[in-house]
Structure formats: C-alpha cells, structure tokens
Amino acid sequence: MRGQAFITFSSTDTASAALQSSNGLIVWEKPLIIVRSLLVAVRKELKRCDLIKFIQ
C-alpha cells in the first residue's frame, strides 16, 4: 500500500478541518487526495444497494 496513510483524529470537527485544509494540496508535485473511510456495516449496506459505485 505504497503512498497511503491511515490517520485518526480525536473529533469529527478536527478531521473535517484537516480534510478541508489539505485535500488537493500539492506535495512533491502531486495532489494530496483525502477520502473519509466508511464503517464496514455502512459499506456493506451501500454495496448491497448497489450504491458503492457512486462513492468510489
């Protein structure tokens, strides 16, 4: 999983602020792309409903 990182924050407000301030930031000539993870149960339900293609 080269080029990936998993980061947790103490609150959703802190996570949202980090996401907004750094998503798209250019790092080493490449854009930083940040996505929020989904709970496994939510992801399974979305997949079951065939909606997962809209969030990938």
C-alpha atoms as a PDB file:
ATOM      1  CA  MET A   1       0.000   0.000   0.000  1.00  0.00           C
ATOM      2  CA  ARG A   2       2.607   2.459  -1.051  1.00  0.00           C
ATOM      3  CA  GLY A   3       1.589   6.081  -0.890  1.00  0.00           C
ATOM      4  CA  GLN A   4      -1.280   5.582   1.531  1.00  0.00           C
ATOM      5  CA  ALA A   5      -1.764   6.555   5.150  1.00  0.00           C
ATOM      6  CA  PHE A   6      -4.474   5.981   7.706  1.00  0.00           C
ATOM      7  CA  ILE A   7      -4.967   8.797  10.188  1.00  0.00           C
ATOM      8  CA  THR A   8      -7.415   9.142  13.046  1.00  0.00           C
ATOM      9  CA  PHE A   9      -8.483  12.317  14.803  1.00  0.00           C
ATOM     10  CA  SER A  10      -9.910  12.970  18.246  1.00  0.00           C
ATOM     11  CA  SER A  11     -13.053  14.610  16.874  1.00  0.00           C
ATOM     12  CA  THR A  12     -15.023  14.916  13.653  1.00  0.00           C
ATOM     13  CA  ASP A  13     -14.512  18.702  13.722  1.00  0.00           C
ATOM     14  CA  THR A  14     -10.737  18.265  13.705  1.00  0.00           C
ATOM     15  CA  ALA A  15     -10.957  15.664  10.941  1.00  0.00           C
ATOM     16  CA  SER A  16     -13.202  17.912   8.823  1.00  0.00           C
ATOM     17  CA  ALA A  17     -10.859  20.880   9.258  1.00  0.00           C
ATOM     18  CA  ALA A  18      -7.850  18.768   8.241  1.00  0.00           C
ATOM     19  CA  LEU A  19      -9.712  17.400   5.242  1.00  0.00           C
ATOM     20  CA  GLN A  20     -10.756  20.857   4.028  1.00  0.00           C
ATOM     21  CA  SER A  21      -7.360  22.471   4.557  1.00  0.00           C
ATOM     22  CA  SER A  22      -5.197  19.777   2.976  1.00  0.00           C
ATOM     23  CA  ASN A  23      -7.291  17.998   0.339  1.00  0.00           C
ATOM     24  CA  GLY A  24      -5.817  18.894  -3.044  1.00  0.00           C
ATOM     25  CA  LEU A  25      -2.622  20.309  -1.550  1.00  0.00           C
ATOM     26  CA  ILE A  26       0.378  19.706  -3.825  1.00  0.00           C
ATOM     27  CA  VAL A  27       3.014  17.532  -2.131  1.00  0.00           C
ATOM     28  CA  TRP A  28       6.139  16.522  -4.069  1.00  0.00           C
ATOM     29  CA  GLU A  29       4.471  17.695  -7.296  1.00  0.00           C
ATOM     30  CA  LYS A  30       1.388  15.512  -6.754  1.00  0.00           C
ATOM     31  CA  PRO A  31      -2.022  16.409  -5.339  1.00  0.00           C
ATOM     32  CA  LEU A  32      -2.881  15.096  -1.895  1.00  0.00           C
ATOM     33  CA  ILE A  33      -6.231  13.319  -2.130  1.00  0.00           C
ATOM     34  CA  ILE A  34      -8.107  12.624   1.077  1.00  0.00           C
ATOM     35  CA  VAL A  35     -11.204  10.499   1.476  1.00  0.00           C
ATOM     36  CA  ARG A  36     -13.111   9.539   4.570  1.00  0.00           C
ATOM     37  CA  SER A  37     -13.468   5.898   5.362  1.00  0.00           C
ATOM     38  CA  LEU A  38     -16.801   4.231   5.913  1.00  0.00           C
ATOM     39  CA  LEU A  39     -17.782   1.868   8.664  1.00  0.00           C
ATOM     40  CA  VAL A  40     -17.793  -1.722   7.424  1.00  0.00           C
ATOM     41  CA  ALA A  41     -21.544  -2.034   8.090  1.00  0.00           C
ATOM     42  CA  VAL A  42     -22.289   1.101   6.063  1.00  0.00           C
ATOM     43  CA  ARG A  43     -20.048  -0.045   3.212  1.00  0.00           C
ATOM     44  CA  LYS A  44     -21.774  -3.457   3.114  1.00  0.00           C
ATOM     45  CA  GLU A  45     -25.197  -1.839   3.034  1.00  0.00           C
ATOM     46  CA  LEU A  46     -24.189   0.521   0.237  1.00  0.00           C
ATOM     47  CA  LYS A  47     -22.740  -2.372  -1.725  1.00  0.00           C
ATOM     48  CA  ARG A  48     -25.907  -4.353  -1.142  1.00  0.00           C
ATOM     49  CA  CYS A  49     -27.918  -1.452  -2.514  1.00  0.00           C
ATOM     50  CA  ASP A  50     -25.510  -1.117  -5.470  1.00  0.00           C
ATOM     51  CA  LEU A  51     -24.650   2.431  -4.460  1.00  0.00           C
ATOM     52  CA  ILE A  52     -20.967   1.849  -3.781  1.00  0.00           C
ATOM     53  CA  LYS A  53     -20.057   2.876  -7.357  1.00  0.00           C
ATOM     54  CA  PHE A  54     -21.127   6.449  -6.580  1.00  0.00           C
ATOM     55  CA  ILE A  55     -18.617   6.918  -3.763  1.00  0.00           C
ATOM     56  CA  GLN A  56     -15.546   5.259  -5.246  1.00  0.00           C
END
